[in-house]
Protein backbone atom coordinates (compact mmCIF):
# COMPACT_ATOMS: atom_id res chain seq x y z
CA MET A 1 -18.10 28.14 22.48
CA THR A 2 -21.40 26.78 23.55
CA ASP A 3 -22.95 23.40 23.05
CA LEU A 4 -26.22 24.84 21.73
CA PRO A 5 -27.51 23.48 18.42
CA PRO A 6 -27.56 25.95 15.53
CA ALA A 7 -30.74 27.93 15.06
CA PRO A 8 -32.96 26.83 12.17
CA PRO A 9 -32.95 29.15 9.17
CA PRO A 10 -35.84 31.61 9.01
CA LYS A 11 -38.86 30.69 6.91
CA PRO A 12 -39.06 32.68 3.65
CA ASN A 13 -41.94 35.06 3.20
CA PRO A 14 -44.30 33.47 0.60
CA ASP A 15 -45.11 36.87 -0.91
CA SER A 16 -41.47 37.75 -1.52
CA VAL A 17 -40.78 34.29 -2.97
CA ALA A 18 -43.73 34.64 -5.35
CA ARG A 19 -42.56 38.13 -6.35
CA GLN A 20 -39.03 36.84 -7.05
CA ARG A 21 -40.36 33.95 -9.13
CA HIS A 22 -42.64 36.25 -11.13
CA PHE A 23 -39.71 38.62 -11.74
CA ALA A 24 -37.49 35.74 -12.92
CA ILE A 25 -40.15 34.49 -15.35
CA GLY A 26 -40.60 38.03 -16.68
CA LEU A 27 -36.86 38.41 -17.20
CA PHE A 28 -36.69 35.15 -19.15
CA ARG A 29 -39.55 36.28 -21.38
CA LEU A 30 -37.99 39.70 -21.94
CA SER A 31 -34.57 38.27 -22.74
CA GLY A 32 -36.17 35.73 -25.11
CA ALA A 33 -37.93 38.54 -26.98
CA LEU A 34 -34.66 40.48 -27.23
CA ILE A 35 -32.87 37.41 -28.60
CA VAL A 36 -35.62 36.97 -31.21
CA MET A 37 -35.27 40.61 -32.28
CA PHE A 38 -31.49 40.22 -32.46
CA GLY A 39 -31.94 37.13 -34.61
CA PHE A 40 -34.22 38.94 -37.03
CA LEU A 41 -31.70 41.78 -37.29
CA ALA A 42 -29.01 39.23 -38.12
CA ILE A 43 -31.25 37.63 -40.76
CA MET A 44 -31.72 41.08 -42.31
CA GLN A 45 -27.89 41.40 -42.33
CA ARG A 46 -27.79 44.58 -40.23
CA PHE A 47 -24.43 43.65 -38.65
CA ALA A 48 -21.12 44.08 -40.47
CA TRP A 49 -19.51 41.12 -38.68
CA VAL A 50 -21.93 38.55 -40.11
CA GLN A 51 -23.16 38.67 -43.71
CA GLY A 52 -24.57 36.39 -46.39
CA ASP A 53 -25.67 32.83 -45.71
CA LYS A 54 -23.85 32.81 -42.37
CA ALA A 55 -26.02 35.70 -41.19
CA LYS A 56 -29.19 33.86 -42.14
CA ALA A 57 -28.11 30.66 -40.40
CA PHE A 58 -26.94 32.56 -37.31
CA GLY A 59 -30.16 34.59 -37.21
CA ALA A 60 -32.35 31.51 -37.57
CA ILE A 61 -30.52 29.84 -34.68
CA MET A 62 -30.97 32.96 -32.56
CA VAL A 63 -34.69 33.19 -33.40
CA VAL A 64 -35.31 29.55 -32.49
CA THR A 65 -33.31 29.95 -29.27
CA GLY A 66 -35.18 33.12 -28.36
CA LEU A 67 -38.57 31.54 -29.04
CA PHE A 68 -37.64 28.58 -26.85
CA GLN A 69 -36.60 30.95 -24.08
CA PHE A 70 -39.74 33.05 -24.53
CA ILE A 71 -42.24 30.18 -24.65
CA ALA A 72 -40.83 27.00 -23.09
CA VAL A 73 -38.53 28.19 -20.31
CA PRO A 74 -41.23 30.07 -18.34
CA ARG A 75 -43.49 27.01 -18.53
CA ILE A 76 -40.66 24.79 -17.30
CA LEU A 77 -40.03 27.21 -14.44
CA LEU A 78 -43.73 27.27 -13.55
CA ALA A 79 -43.80 23.48 -13.40
CA LEU A 80 -40.69 23.50 -11.24
CA PHE A 81 -42.13 26.14 -8.91
CA ARG A 82 -45.38 24.17 -8.51
CA THR A 83 -43.64 20.93 -7.52
CA ARG A 84 -41.08 22.39 -5.12
CA PRO A 85 -42.35 24.61 -2.29
CA PRO A 86 -40.01 27.36 -1.08
CA GLN A 87 -37.43 26.13 1.37
């Protein structure tokens, strides 16, 4: 055991941080689009496990959720990334 202070953590590479953030935003947009498509399939009653009015309500909820994830979440992440520099 030594009495040396711990070494500071290495600084992150700004290029790799930007690449990771861009990838995360792209994944949120892609998953939002997939949720919207899934919702439309449910509205069209393409699944045996949900039919009738329940399918339309479920599909509408999925479409709204997917649109929120496709449109709003990337903007929220961008605002978060602008205010907080990489640590």
